[in-house]
Amino acid sequence: MRVFMAIPLVSLAYVQLSMSQSLTLDVREATISSLHASLFSGATTCRDIVSSFIARIERFNPDINAIIALNPDALAIADSLDMRFSRGNVTGALFCIPILLKDNFDATPMPSTGGCLALRSSKPTQDAPTVAALRYAGAVILGKANLHELALEGLSVSSLGGQTSNPYDFQRTAGGSSGGTGAAIAASFAVFGTGTDTVNSLRSPASANSLFSFRPTRGLISRAGVIPVSYTQDTVGAIGRCLEDIATALTVMSSVGYDPRDNVTSALPPSTIGTDYTTYLTSLNLTGTRIGVLEGFFNRTVTNETSPVNEAMSSVLTLLRSQGATIINVTDTIYNATAILGTMDTQTHEYREELTSYLSSPYLSGHQPRSMSDLYALANSTSPEYLVIPAQHAYINSALRSSTGDIAYLVKQSLIANLTRTLRSTFLSNRLGAIIYPEQKNLVVPIGSASQSGRNGILAAVTGSPVVTVPIGFSPATASAPIGIPIGMEILGLPFTEGGLLQLAKAIDDRLHARRAPVTNGLEEIVEMSTTSYTYVPTIKPDTGNIPHEYPLGVY
């Protein structure tokens, strides 16, 4: 496997810095509420907030390589929000909150690349509905985060973005496929970021970067305008540094409601419409709470990679019992993540049809392949680096041959229906409020690994169940990981129980306080740079031809 070098995101060829003013705004670990307190008190401006985050990206992105591109409109948007503020027009739960998007969300004027060189010129003509909702709420989109190429694995390496490193240990991956988002939020490049989840891809980076995330119930949030993988398993969500921020993101993103471009949203219960999920973040007495633990989602082997996970989970269970919760050990053999992945994963059957539908959409402009077959024909004929992981060749070849009309696909859907019924029965027969298990049986894998092994996300992925991911601890410190490697836990519930999951997550987090910021290679430093005023210099990028990876990344 080729290891990509981190490339500076922005050079002086793209951005001219003005020395007119010096910023001292510390945006490390900033939250929606902390930034709003500073902004509404008059202590800072929206431009200062946005500029401070961009300065931090410029300073530290070369270390972790999490960002693919900056939004050229970011500071103009900040200025417009400052003007609105001066007129008393302050609306929206995300007013002047800097966020990042995984680079498979459509957001004008930036390309939607999926981290793939072949899609570097593919530009959407309108925002994805979730992106439009975030903008309407006042969010400032700073740019696009790297991901595993087209969200097909969990190592977060792509032909366009290179390899993203984990800010807690530069020798390890950041999880994935939304690893660029996870690493960026851990390093305080934005307040929160969006991600997608087909098997593990929101929860894996949250776990690997000491963050919180939500994977919503299938159908709660529209998936339109997002590069797809699987009709059955795809969802979209957010990753943040605190529960309040991801609850706000969930509130805003779910406000889209029914979307004719994504027919699974037609099954939304009326009770979910207009829900403010932040109202669930209240104190919870755990006495009498019944929580299931999936024994089949642990690796009890004693190793340096598995033991820290088991010890962190053991500490959580001890805490829950001490607070009056009843823990039910669920040992049904159907709950085996490896077996579920091997027999029920629908990706290869749905990928070709889903990706072709997206690429041929009237909402895309620019020069790009119009089908999955065209994309991979181009990749194979010009540069094998479009498929950066050799194992993905077998996956792609299978997807090119498979379809939703296969008998094997129908068998998988039957197995999924049975698992979904069994999961509901497990909840009801044991009177469970939630089920918990480690997101990953082992620590997040080192850079250069063949796959992101040991993850448990497939249960929620195929059953469409909601999950909230919370940090629960760290492995022992090492020379390359000064405070250890983060470990995260999934809290899974029945469909449309996001509010209850957030309440339980808060109860656990209030008692555990496991989240810690990275302190690797100076990421703990306060950034004080003279970067208040930016002037973006237009950059011409060719739409055709084979551009080597060393081509400078910058502002689109």
Protein backbone atom coordinates (compact mmCIF):
# COMPACT_ATOMS: atom_id res chain seq x y z
CA MET A 1 0.00 0.00 0.00
CA ARG A 2 1.29 3.43 -0.87
CA VAL A 3 1.60 5.87 2.04
CA PHE A 4 0.71 9.41 1.01
CA MET A 5 2.50 12.43 2.38
CA ALA A 6 0.51 15.21 3.99
CA ILE A 7 0.20 18.22 1.67
CA PRO A 8 -0.22 21.79 2.94
CA LEU A 9 -3.81 22.78 2.32
CA VAL A 10 -3.29 26.41 1.50
CA SER A 11 -0.24 28.12 0.05
CA LEU A 12 0.42 31.78 -0.71
CA ALA A 13 -0.50 31.01 -4.31
CA TYR A 14 -4.05 30.60 -3.11
CA VAL A 15 -4.43 32.89 -0.11
CA GLN A 16 -2.96 36.29 0.64
CA LEU A 17 -2.80 37.11 4.34
CA SER A 18 -3.33 40.61 5.67
CA MET A 19 -1.37 41.71 8.73
CA SER A 20 -3.93 44.37 9.60
CA GLN A 21 -5.14 42.77 12.83
CA SER A 22 -3.99 40.12 15.28
CA LEU A 23 -6.33 37.48 16.65
CA THR A 24 -6.12 35.99 20.13
CA LEU A 25 -9.38 34.05 20.00
CA ASP A 26 -8.76 30.54 21.29
CA VAL A 27 -11.06 28.18 19.45
CA ARG A 28 -9.73 24.95 20.93
CA GLU A 29 -12.65 22.81 22.15
CA ALA A 30 -15.06 25.62 21.19
CA THR A 31 -18.75 24.73 21.27
CA ILE A 32 -21.90 26.31 19.86
CA SER A 33 -22.75 27.80 23.25
CA SER A 34 -19.25 29.12 23.97
CA LEU A 35 -18.96 30.83 20.59
CA HIS A 36 -22.44 32.29 20.86
CA ALA A 37 -21.59 33.64 24.31
CA SER A 38 -18.54 35.42 22.90
CA LEU A 39 -20.34 36.66 19.80
CA PHE A 40 -23.54 37.87 21.44
CA SER A 41 -21.66 39.60 24.25
CA GLY A 42 -19.73 41.64 21.68
CA ALA A 43 -16.39 40.10 22.68
CA THR A 44 -15.75 38.93 19.12
CA THR A 45 -17.17 39.00 15.59
CA CYS A 46 -18.22 36.31 13.19
CA ARG A 47 -15.27 37.18 10.95
CA ASP A 48 -12.88 36.73 13.88
CA ILE A 49 -14.42 33.35 14.71
CA VAL A 50 -14.23 32.07 11.14
CA SER A 51 -10.74 33.48 10.62
CA SER A 52 -9.48 31.83 13.80
CA PHE A 53 -10.66 28.39 12.66
CA ILE A 54 -9.13 28.89 9.21
CA ALA A 55 -5.87 29.93 10.85
CA ARG A 56 -5.90 26.77 12.91
CA ILE A 57 -6.52 24.66 9.80
CA GLU A 58 -3.57 26.33 8.06
CA ARG A 59 -1.33 25.78 11.07
CA PHE A 60 -2.13 22.15 11.84
CA ASN A 61 -3.69 20.51 8.79
CA PRO A 62 -0.26 19.59 7.34
CA ASP A 63 0.22 17.39 10.43
CA ILE A 64 -2.97 15.36 10.06
CA ASN A 65 -4.12 15.99 6.47
CA ALA A 66 -7.82 16.12 7.32
CA ILE A 67 -9.07 18.86 4.98
CA ILE A 68 -9.33 18.60 1.21
CA ALA A 69 -10.47 22.14 0.41
CA LEU A 70 -11.62 25.42 1.93
CA ASN A 71 -14.82 27.21 1.01
CA PRO A 72 -13.95 30.42 -0.90
CA ASP A 73 -17.16 32.04 0.38
CA ALA A 74 -16.49 31.41 4.09
CA LEU A 75 -15.35 34.91 5.06
CA ALA A 76 -17.91 36.64 2.87
CA ILE A 77 -20.59 34.64 4.67
CA ALA A 78 -19.09 35.64 8.02
CA ASP A 79 -19.20 39.29 6.98
CA SER A 80 -22.84 38.99 5.97
CA LEU A 81 -23.67 37.45 9.34
CA ASP A 82 -21.87 40.30 11.11
CA MET A 83 -24.01 42.71 9.13
CA ARG A 84 -27.16 40.83 10.14
CA PHE A 85 -26.03 40.90 13.76
CA SER A 86 -25.49 44.66 13.64
CA ARG A 87 -29.11 45.02 12.50
CA GLY A 88 -30.44 42.76 15.25
CA ASN A 89 -31.30 39.99 12.81
CA VAL A 90 -29.92 37.01 14.70
CA THR A 91 -31.77 33.81 13.89
CA GLY A 92 -30.83 30.17 13.60
CA ALA A 93 -29.46 27.67 16.10
CA LEU A 94 -26.13 27.64 14.22
CA PHE A 95 -25.69 31.40 13.70
CA CYS A 96 -21.98 31.86 12.77
CA ILE A 97 -21.01 28.35 13.79
CA PRO A 98 -18.11 27.07 11.62
CA ILE A 99 -18.64 23.50 10.41
CA LEU A 100 -17.01 21.09 7.98
CA LEU A 101 -18.60 18.72 5.49
CA LYS A 102 -17.36 15.28 4.54
CA ASP A 103 -16.46 15.59 0.85
CA ASN A 104 -19.37 13.49 -0.32
CA PHE A 105 -22.01 16.11 0.57
CA ASP A 106 -23.12 18.42 -2.25
CA ALA A 107 -22.39 22.04 -1.29
CA THR A 108 -21.94 24.86 -3.77
CA PRO A 109 -19.54 26.21 -4.97
CA MET A 110 -17.21 23.32 -4.06
CA PRO A 111 -16.83 20.05 -5.97
CA SER A 112 -18.16 16.83 -4.46
CA THR A 113 -15.23 14.50 -4.97
CA GLY A 114 -15.63 11.63 -2.54
CA GLY A 115 -11.84 11.93 -2.27
CA CYS A 116 -11.58 10.53 -5.80
CA LEU A 117 -9.34 12.14 -8.44
CA ALA A 118 -11.81 11.12 -11.14
CA LEU A 119 -14.46 13.37 -9.54
CA ARG A 120 -12.27 16.40 -8.88
CA SER A 121 -14.28 18.48 -11.41
CA SER A 122 -17.75 17.26 -10.43
CA LYS A 123 -19.67 20.27 -9.13
CA PRO A 124 -23.19 20.24 -7.72
CA THR A 125 -25.62 22.89 -8.91
CA GLN A 126 -27.46 22.95 -5.58
CA ASP A 127 -26.86 22.03 -1.96
CA ALA A 128 -27.89 18.71 -0.49
CA PRO A 129 -31.07 19.25 1.57
CA THR A 130 -29.15 18.70 4.81
CA VAL A 131 -26.53 21.24 3.75
CA ALA A 132 -29.26 23.73 2.88
CA ALA A 133 -30.77 23.19 6.34
CA LEU A 134 -27.41 23.79 8.02
CA ARG A 135 -26.90 27.00 6.06
CA TYR A 136 -30.45 28.16 6.82
CA ALA A 137 -29.70 27.67 10.53
CA GLY A 138 -26.75 30.06 10.15
CA ALA A 139 -23.81 27.66 9.87
CA VAL A 140 -20.65 28.77 8.07
CA ILE A 141 -19.25 25.93 5.97
CA LEU A 142 -15.47 26.17 6.19
CA GLY A 143 -14.70 23.47 3.66
CA LYS A 144 -14.57 19.78 2.86
CA ALA A 145 -12.97 16.99 4.89
CA ASN A 146 -11.06 14.00 3.54
CA LEU A 147 -12.58 10.52 3.65
CA HIS A 148 -11.77 7.02 2.60
CA GLU A 149 -12.06 6.94 -1.18
CA LEU A 150 -15.79 7.09 -2.00
CA ALA A 151 -16.52 5.97 1.58
CA LEU A 152 -15.69 2.32 0.82
CA GLU A 153 -13.41 1.52 3.79
CA GLY A 154 -12.40 2.79 7.20
CA LEU A 155 -8.78 3.85 6.72
CA SER A 156 -9.48 7.38 5.42
CA VAL A 157 -7.01 7.38 2.56
CA SER A 158 -7.99 8.68 -0.87
CA SER A 159 -6.41 9.40 -4.24
CA LEU A 160 -7.29 13.09 -3.95
CA GLY A 161 -6.84 13.72 -0.22
CA GLY A 162 -4.09 11.27 0.71
CA GLN A 163 -3.86 9.66 4.13
CA THR A 164 -5.47 11.30 7.17
CA SER A 165 -3.61 10.71 10.42
CA ASN A 166 -5.05 10.39 13.89
CA PRO A 167 -4.28 13.54 15.93
CA TYR A 168 -3.79 11.39 19.04
CA ASP A 169 -1.16 9.23 17.33
CA PHE A 170 0.13 10.17 13.89
CA GLN A 171 1.09 6.53 13.30
CA ARG A 172 -2.56 5.42 13.37
CA THR A 173 -5.54 6.04 11.15
CA ALA A 174 -8.39 8.31 12.19
CA GLY A 175 -11.04 5.63 11.60
CA GLY A 176 -13.36 6.05 8.68
CA SER A 177 -14.70 6.48 6.24
CA SER A 178 -15.45 9.90 7.78
CA GLY A 179 -11.93 10.04 9.21
CA GLY A 180 -11.16 13.50 7.86
CA THR A 181 -14.17 14.85 9.74
CA GLY A 182 -13.20 13.01 12.92
CA ALA A 183 -9.56 14.12 12.90
CA ALA A 184 -10.54 17.70 12.04
CA ILE A 185 -13.08 18.02 14.84
CA ALA A 186 -10.70 16.44 17.36
CA ALA A 187 -8.10 19.04 16.34
CA SER A 188 -10.68 21.88 16.65
CA PHE A 189 -10.75 22.80 12.96
CA ALA A 190 -14.52 23.43 13.31
CA VAL A 191 -17.25 23.05 15.91
CA PHE A 192 -18.72 19.92 14.34
CA GLY A 193 -18.68 18.15 11.00
CA THR A 194 -20.92 15.97 8.91
CA GLY A 195 -20.32 12.37 7.97
CA THR A 196 -22.00 9.41 6.35
CA ASP A 197 -22.38 5.90 7.69
CA THR A 198 -22.86 2.78 5.58
CA VAL A 199 -21.39 0.30 8.07
CA ASN A 200 -19.28 2.19 10.64
CA SER A 201 -18.33 5.46 9.04
CA LEU A 202 -19.69 8.01 11.54
CA ARG A 203 -19.09 5.96 14.64
CA SER A 204 -15.60 4.72 13.81
CA PRO A 205 -14.02 8.22 13.59
CA ALA A 206 -15.91 9.35 16.70
CA SER A 207 -14.56 6.38 18.64
CA ALA A 208 -11.02 6.83 17.30
CA ASN A 209 -10.90 10.57 18.06
CA SER A 210 -12.60 10.84 21.49
CA LEU A 211 -15.74 12.38 19.99
CA PHE A 212 -19.52 12.08 20.01
CA SER A 213 -21.62 11.16 16.99
CA PHE A 214 -25.08 10.06 16.00
CA ARG A 215 -26.21 7.63 13.36
CA PRO A 216 -29.94 8.40 12.97
CA THR A 217 -32.76 5.97 12.38
CA ARG A 218 -32.93 5.15 8.68
CA GLY A 219 -35.35 7.64 7.17
CA LEU A 220 -35.07 10.34 9.83
CA ILE A 221 -32.68 12.47 7.73
CA SER A 222 -32.68 12.81 3.95
CA ARG A 223 -29.69 11.29 2.14
CA ALA A 224 -30.30 13.17 -1.13
CA GLY A 225 -27.37 15.11 -2.54
CA VAL A 226 -24.80 12.81 -0.93
CA ILE A 227 -22.58 10.42 -2.91
CA PRO A 228 -24.22 7.05 -2.12
CA VAL A 229 -23.02 3.51 -1.48
CA SER A 230 -26.03 1.53 -0.28
CA TYR A 231 -29.76 2.24 -0.36
CA THR A 232 -30.32 -0.12 2.56
CA GLN A 233 -27.47 0.96 4.81
CA ASP A 234 -26.57 4.61 4.08
CA THR A 235 -27.30 7.32 6.63
CA VAL A 236 -25.95 10.81 7.27
CA GLY A 237 -25.11 12.41 10.59
CA ALA A 238 -22.65 14.53 12.53
CA ILE A 239 -19.55 14.27 14.72
CA GLY A 240 -18.76 16.74 17.50
CA ARG A 241 -16.87 17.36 20.73
CA CYS A 242 -19.94 17.47 22.98
CA LEU A 243 -23.45 16.05 23.09
CA GLU A 244 -25.12 19.46 22.96
CA ASP A 245 -23.51 20.20 19.60
CA ILE A 246 -24.46 16.92 17.94
CA ALA A 247 -28.00 17.19 19.36
CA THR A 248 -28.26 20.61 17.72
CA ALA A 249 -26.90 19.19 14.46
CA LEU A 250 -29.46 16.37 14.64
CA THR A 251 -32.24 18.90 15.22
CA VAL A 252 -31.22 20.97 12.20
CA MET A 253 -30.46 18.10 9.81
CA SER A 254 -33.70 16.27 10.62
CA SER A 255 -35.73 19.44 10.04
CA VAL A 256 -35.71 18.59 6.30
CA GLY A 257 -38.44 16.06 7.04
CA TYR A 258 -39.98 14.26 4.08
CA ASP A 259 -37.86 14.58 0.94
CA PRO A 260 -39.19 13.20 -2.36
CA ARG A 261 -35.59 12.61 -3.49
CA ASP A 262 -35.18 10.03 -0.69
CA ASN A 263 -38.29 7.92 -0.35
CA VAL A 264 -37.28 6.29 2.95
CA THR A 265 -38.20 9.62 4.59
CA SER A 266 -41.84 8.92 3.74
CA ALA A 267 -42.02 6.59 6.76
CA LEU A 268 -41.29 9.36 9.27
CA PRO A 269 -43.62 9.22 12.29
CA PRO A 270 -45.47 12.52 12.78
CA SER A 271 -44.07 12.73 16.32
CA THR A 272 -40.55 13.30 14.99
CA ILE A 273 -41.39 16.37 12.93
CA GLY A 274 -39.91 19.52 14.43
CA THR A 275 -38.26 17.73 17.36
CA ASP A 276 -35.65 19.72 19.29
CA TYR A 277 -33.25 17.01 20.40
CA THR A 278 -31.36 19.31 22.75
CA THR A 279 -34.33 19.17 25.11
CA TYR A 280 -33.46 15.54 25.89
CA LEU A 281 -30.10 16.50 27.39
CA THR A 282 -31.39 16.57 30.93
CA SER A 283 -30.17 14.77 34.03
CA LEU A 284 -31.18 11.12 34.25
CA ASN A 285 -31.36 8.92 37.33
CA LEU A 286 -29.97 5.59 36.15
CA THR A 287 -31.67 3.59 38.90
CA GLY A 288 -33.87 1.00 37.25
CA THR A 289 -32.50 1.60 33.76
CA ARG A 290 -32.09 -1.70 31.93
CA ILE A 291 -29.18 -1.86 29.49
CA GLY A 292 -28.14 -4.80 27.33
CA VAL A 293 -24.53 -5.71 26.51
CA LEU A 294 -23.75 -7.75 23.40
CA GLU A 295 -21.17 -10.35 24.43
CA GLY A 296 -20.57 -11.30 20.78
CA PHE A 297 -19.26 -7.80 20.07
CA PHE A 298 -16.16 -8.21 22.25
CA ASN A 299 -12.77 -9.78 21.54
CA ARG A 300 -11.71 -11.24 24.88
CA THR A 301 -8.20 -12.07 23.67
CA VAL A 302 -5.58 -10.44 25.90
CA THR A 303 -3.45 -8.20 23.67
CA ASN A 304 -2.22 -4.61 23.63
CA GLU A 305 -4.86 -3.85 20.99
CA THR A 306 -7.90 -5.51 22.57
CA SER A 307 -7.33 -5.33 26.33
CA PRO A 308 -7.62 -1.52 26.62
CA VAL A 309 -11.04 -1.70 24.93
CA ASN A 310 -12.26 -4.45 27.25
CA GLU A 311 -10.96 -2.61 30.30
CA ALA A 312 -12.66 0.64 29.27
CA MET A 313 -15.97 -1.18 28.73
CA SER A 314 -15.59 -2.94 32.08
CA SER A 315 -15.18 0.44 33.77
CA VAL A 316 -18.36 1.71 32.11
CA LEU A 317 -20.33 -1.34 33.25
CA THR A 318 -19.03 -0.93 36.81
CA LEU A 319 -20.07 2.72 36.74
CA LEU A 320 -23.55 1.92 35.42
CA ARG A 321 -24.12 -0.73 38.08
CA SER A 322 -22.93 1.64 40.80
CA GLN A 323 -25.53 4.14 39.62
CA GLY A 324 -28.37 1.65 39.90
CA ALA A 325 -28.61 0.44 36.31
CA THR A 326 -29.37 -3.21 35.59
CA ILE A 327 -27.00 -4.79 33.05
CA ILE A 328 -28.31 -7.70 30.96
CA ASN A 329 -25.69 -9.79 29.20
CA VAL A 330 -27.08 -10.68 25.75
CA THR A 331 -25.47 -13.88 24.48
CA ASP A 332 -27.69 -14.77 21.50
CA THR A 333 -25.39 -16.14 18.79
CA ILE A 334 -27.13 -14.06 16.11
CA TYR A 335 -25.31 -11.02 17.50
CA ASN A 336 -21.94 -11.68 15.89
CA ALA A 337 -20.64 -8.66 14.00
CA THR A 338 -18.31 -10.66 11.76
CA ALA A 339 -21.07 -13.08 10.76
CA ILE A 340 -23.61 -10.30 10.17
CA LEU A 341 -21.13 -8.45 7.94
CA GLY A 342 -20.37 -11.61 5.99
CA THR A 343 -23.98 -12.63 5.36
CA MET A 344 -26.08 -9.45 5.32
CA ASP A 345 -23.97 -6.57 3.97
CA THR A 346 -25.82 -5.25 0.89
CA GLN A 347 -23.22 -2.81 -0.43
CA THR A 348 -21.90 -4.68 -3.45
CA HIS A 349 -25.43 -5.35 -4.71
CA GLU A 350 -26.58 -1.73 -4.45
CA TYR A 351 -23.44 0.31 -5.11
CA ARG A 352 -23.48 0.27 -8.91
CA GLU A 353 -27.11 1.34 -9.19
CA GLU A 354 -26.87 3.96 -6.44
CA LEU A 355 -23.63 5.57 -7.67
CA THR A 356 -24.77 5.59 -11.30
CA SER A 357 -28.01 7.29 -10.29
CA TYR A 358 -26.03 9.99 -8.45
CA LEU A 359 -23.45 10.55 -11.21
CA SER A 360 -26.14 10.88 -13.88
CA SER A 361 -28.15 13.33 -11.79
CA PRO A 362 -29.22 16.66 -13.37
CA TYR A 363 -27.93 18.34 -10.20
CA LEU A 364 -24.29 17.83 -11.20
CA SER A 365 -22.22 19.93 -13.59
CA GLY A 366 -18.64 19.76 -14.78
CA HIS A 367 -16.65 17.02 -16.41
CA GLN A 368 -17.15 13.73 -14.60
CA PRO A 369 -18.02 10.10 -15.36
CA ARG A 370 -21.76 9.55 -15.68
CA SER A 371 -21.91 6.03 -14.27
CA MET A 372 -20.06 3.77 -11.87
CA SER A 373 -18.83 1.67 -14.78
CA ASP A 374 -17.43 4.77 -16.51
CA LEU A 375 -15.75 5.93 -13.31
CA TYR A 376 -13.87 2.71 -12.72
CA ALA A 377 -13.10 2.22 -16.40
CA LEU A 378 -11.44 5.64 -16.28
CA ALA A 379 -9.65 4.74 -13.08
CA ASN A 380 -8.25 1.50 -14.41
CA SER A 381 -7.16 3.03 -17.70
CA THR A 382 -5.39 6.09 -16.31
CA SER A 383 -4.17 5.53 -12.79
CA PRO A 384 -4.60 2.64 -10.36
CA GLU A 385 -4.32 5.16 -7.54
CA TYR A 386 -8.03 5.84 -7.90
CA LEU A 387 -8.39 2.59 -5.96
CA VAL A 388 -5.88 3.20 -3.21
CA ILE A 389 -6.46 -0.05 -1.33
CA PRO A 390 -5.75 -3.23 -3.35
CA ALA A 391 -8.55 -5.10 -1.56
CA GLN A 392 -11.05 -2.64 -3.00
CA HIS A 393 -10.43 -4.00 -6.52
CA ALA A 394 -12.25 -7.21 -5.57
CA TYR A 395 -15.07 -5.18 -4.01
CA ILE A 396 -15.46 -3.03 -7.13
CA ASN A 397 -15.32 -5.99 -9.49
CA SER A 398 -18.07 -7.65 -7.48
CA ALA A 399 -20.17 -4.46 -7.45
CA LEU A 400 -19.83 -4.11 -11.22
CA ARG A 401 -21.38 -7.57 -11.65
CA SER A 402 -23.96 -7.55 -8.86
CA SER A 403 -27.39 -5.95 -8.64
CA THR A 404 -30.51 -5.80 -6.52
CA GLY A 405 -32.03 -8.44 -8.76
CA ASP A 406 -29.63 -11.15 -7.57
CA ILE A 407 -30.98 -14.08 -5.58
CA ALA A 408 -28.15 -13.50 -3.10
CA TYR A 409 -29.45 -9.98 -2.52
CA LEU A 410 -32.95 -11.21 -1.79
CA VAL A 411 -31.52 -13.76 0.66
CA LYS A 412 -29.63 -10.98 2.45
CA GLN A 413 -32.75 -8.86 2.72
CA SER A 414 -34.58 -11.83 4.25
CA LEU A 415 -31.79 -12.31 6.78
CA ILE A 416 -31.87 -8.59 7.60
CA ALA A 417 -35.62 -8.74 8.22
CA ASN A 418 -35.12 -11.67 10.59
CA LEU A 419 -32.30 -9.88 12.45
CA THR A 420 -34.42 -6.74 12.76
CA ARG A 421 -37.29 -8.74 14.27
CA THR A 422 -34.89 -10.51 16.63
CA LEU A 423 -33.37 -7.23 17.76
CA ARG A 424 -36.79 -5.83 18.56
CA SER A 425 -37.67 -9.01 20.43
CA THR A 426 -34.44 -8.73 22.44
CA PHE A 427 -35.39 -5.20 23.48
CA LEU A 428 -38.95 -6.10 24.40
CA SER A 429 -38.34 -9.42 26.17
CA ASN A 430 -35.56 -7.94 28.31
CA ARG A 431 -37.32 -4.57 28.74
CA LEU A 432 -34.19 -2.77 27.55
CA GLY A 433 -33.80 0.97 27.17
CA ALA A 434 -30.63 0.55 25.08
CA ILE A 435 -27.91 -1.88 24.06
CA ILE A 436 -24.22 -1.01 24.43
CA TYR A 437 -20.97 -2.42 23.07
CA PRO A 438 -17.54 -1.10 22.00
CA GLU A 439 -17.54 0.51 18.58
CA GLN A 440 -14.35 -1.37 17.80
CA LYS A 441 -13.13 -4.56 19.49
CA ASN A 442 -9.56 -3.34 19.22
CA LEU A 443 -7.81 0.02 19.02
CA VAL A 444 -8.02 1.94 15.74
CA VAL A 445 -5.49 0.37 13.36
CA PRO A 446 -2.09 1.77 12.31
CA ILE A 447 -1.56 3.52 8.99
CA GLY A 448 -0.67 0.93 6.37
CA SER A 449 -3.12 -1.70 7.65
CA ALA A 450 -5.10 -3.64 5.08
CA SER A 451 -8.46 -2.79 6.67
CA GLN A 452 -10.08 -1.22 9.73
CA SER A 453 -10.63 -4.51 11.51
CA GLY A 454 -12.77 -5.29 14.53
CA ARG A 455 -15.59 -2.78 14.12
CA ASN A 456 -19.15 -3.47 15.28
CA GLY A 457 -21.24 -1.01 13.28
CA ILE A 458 -22.94 -3.51 11.00
CA LEU A 459 -25.84 -4.27 13.39
CA ALA A 460 -27.20 -0.72 13.27
CA ALA A 461 -26.34 -0.41 9.58
CA VAL A 462 -28.50 -3.28 8.36
CA THR A 463 -31.35 -2.88 10.85
CA GLY A 464 -31.58 0.91 10.42
CA SER A 465 -31.29 1.43 14.17
CA PRO A 466 -30.19 4.72 15.77
CA VAL A 467 -26.89 4.93 17.63
CA VAL A 468 -25.17 7.57 19.74
CA THR A 469 -21.41 7.12 20.13
CA VAL A 470 -19.63 8.39 23.25
CA PRO A 471 -15.97 8.45 24.37
CA ILE A 472 -15.25 6.06 27.25
CA GLY A 473 -11.50 6.20 27.73
CA PHE A 474 -7.99 5.73 26.36
CA SER A 475 -5.39 3.04 26.01
CA PRO A 476 -2.14 3.42 27.97
CA ALA A 477 0.15 6.20 26.72
CA THR A 478 3.02 5.43 24.36
CA ALA A 479 5.82 7.42 22.79
CA SER A 480 3.68 8.19 19.74
CA ALA A 481 0.42 8.59 21.68
CA PRO A 482 1.12 10.85 24.70
CA ILE A 483 -2.32 10.36 26.26
CA GLY A 484 -3.16 7.04 24.63
CA ILE A 485 -5.55 6.00 21.86
CA PRO A 486 -9.23 6.97 22.24
CA ILE A 487 -11.88 4.30 22.80
CA GLY A 488 -15.58 4.78 22.07
CA MET A 489 -18.84 2.99 22.85
CA GLU A 490 -22.06 2.66 20.85
CA ILE A 491 -25.47 3.13 22.49
CA LEU A 492 -28.09 1.53 20.22
CA GLY A 493 -31.86 1.85 20.45
CA LEU A 494 -35.06 0.99 18.68
CA PRO A 495 -36.09 3.14 15.68
CA PHE A 496 -36.80 6.81 16.36
CA THR A 497 -35.56 6.74 19.98
CA GLU A 498 -32.78 9.28 19.38
CA GLY A 499 -33.99 11.44 22.26
CA GLY A 500 -33.75 8.65 24.82
CA LEU A 501 -30.32 7.63 23.54
CA LEU A 502 -29.05 11.19 23.90
CA GLN A 503 -30.41 11.34 27.45
CA LEU A 504 -28.66 8.09 28.38
CA ALA A 505 -25.47 9.26 26.67
CA LYS A 506 -25.53 12.44 28.74
CA ALA A 507 -26.04 10.48 31.94
CA ILE A 508 -22.99 8.37 31.13
CA ASP A 509 -20.87 11.30 29.97
CA ASP A 510 -21.77 13.43 33.00
CA ARG A 511 -20.37 10.68 35.22
CA LEU A 512 -17.46 9.56 33.05
CA HIS A 513 -16.07 12.78 31.50
CA ALA A 514 -13.86 10.72 29.17
CA ARG A 515 -13.42 13.25 26.34
CA ARG A 516 -9.90 14.72 26.18
CA ALA A 517 -8.34 16.92 23.52
CA PRO A 518 -5.28 15.67 21.62
CA VAL A 519 -1.85 16.82 22.77
CA THR A 520 0.23 15.41 19.94
CA ASN A 521 2.89 17.48 18.20
CA GLY A 522 1.74 20.89 19.38
CA LEU A 523 -1.99 20.48 18.69
CA GLU A 524 -2.58 21.81 22.19
CA GLU A 525 -1.00 25.16 21.37
CA ILE A 526 -3.06 28.32 21.11
CA VAL A 527 -2.99 29.64 17.57
CA GLU A 528 -2.33 33.37 17.49
CA MET A 529 -1.85 34.34 13.87
CA SER A 530 -2.32 37.59 11.98
CA THR A 531 -5.00 36.18 9.73
CA THR A 532 -8.06 38.32 10.23
CA SER A 533 -8.35 39.38 6.60
CA TYR A 534 -8.14 36.87 3.75
CA THR A 535 -8.27 37.51 0.04
CA TYR A 536 -8.92 34.41 -2.02
CA VAL A 537 -7.03 34.24 -5.29
CA PRO A 538 -8.90 32.28 -7.98
CA THR A 539 -7.14 29.08 -8.96
CA ILE A 540 -7.57 27.42 -12.33
CA LYS A 541 -7.58 23.65 -12.12
CA PRO A 542 -7.71 21.58 -15.29
CA ASP A 543 -10.84 19.50 -15.72
CA THR A 544 -9.19 16.77 -17.73
CA GLY A 545 -5.94 14.87 -17.72
CA ASN A 546 -4.21 12.82 -15.09
CA ILE A 547 -3.24 15.09 -12.22
CA PRO A 548 -0.61 13.54 -9.94
CA HIS A 549 -1.23 13.42 -6.21
CA GLU A 550 1.44 16.05 -5.69
CA TYR A 551 -0.76 18.68 -7.37
CA PRO A 552 -1.27 21.36 -4.68
CA LEU A 553 -4.54 21.27 -2.82
CA GLY A 554 -6.12 24.59 -2.06
CA VAL A 555 -9.21 26.73 -2.13
CA TYR A 556 -11.83 25.80 -4.71
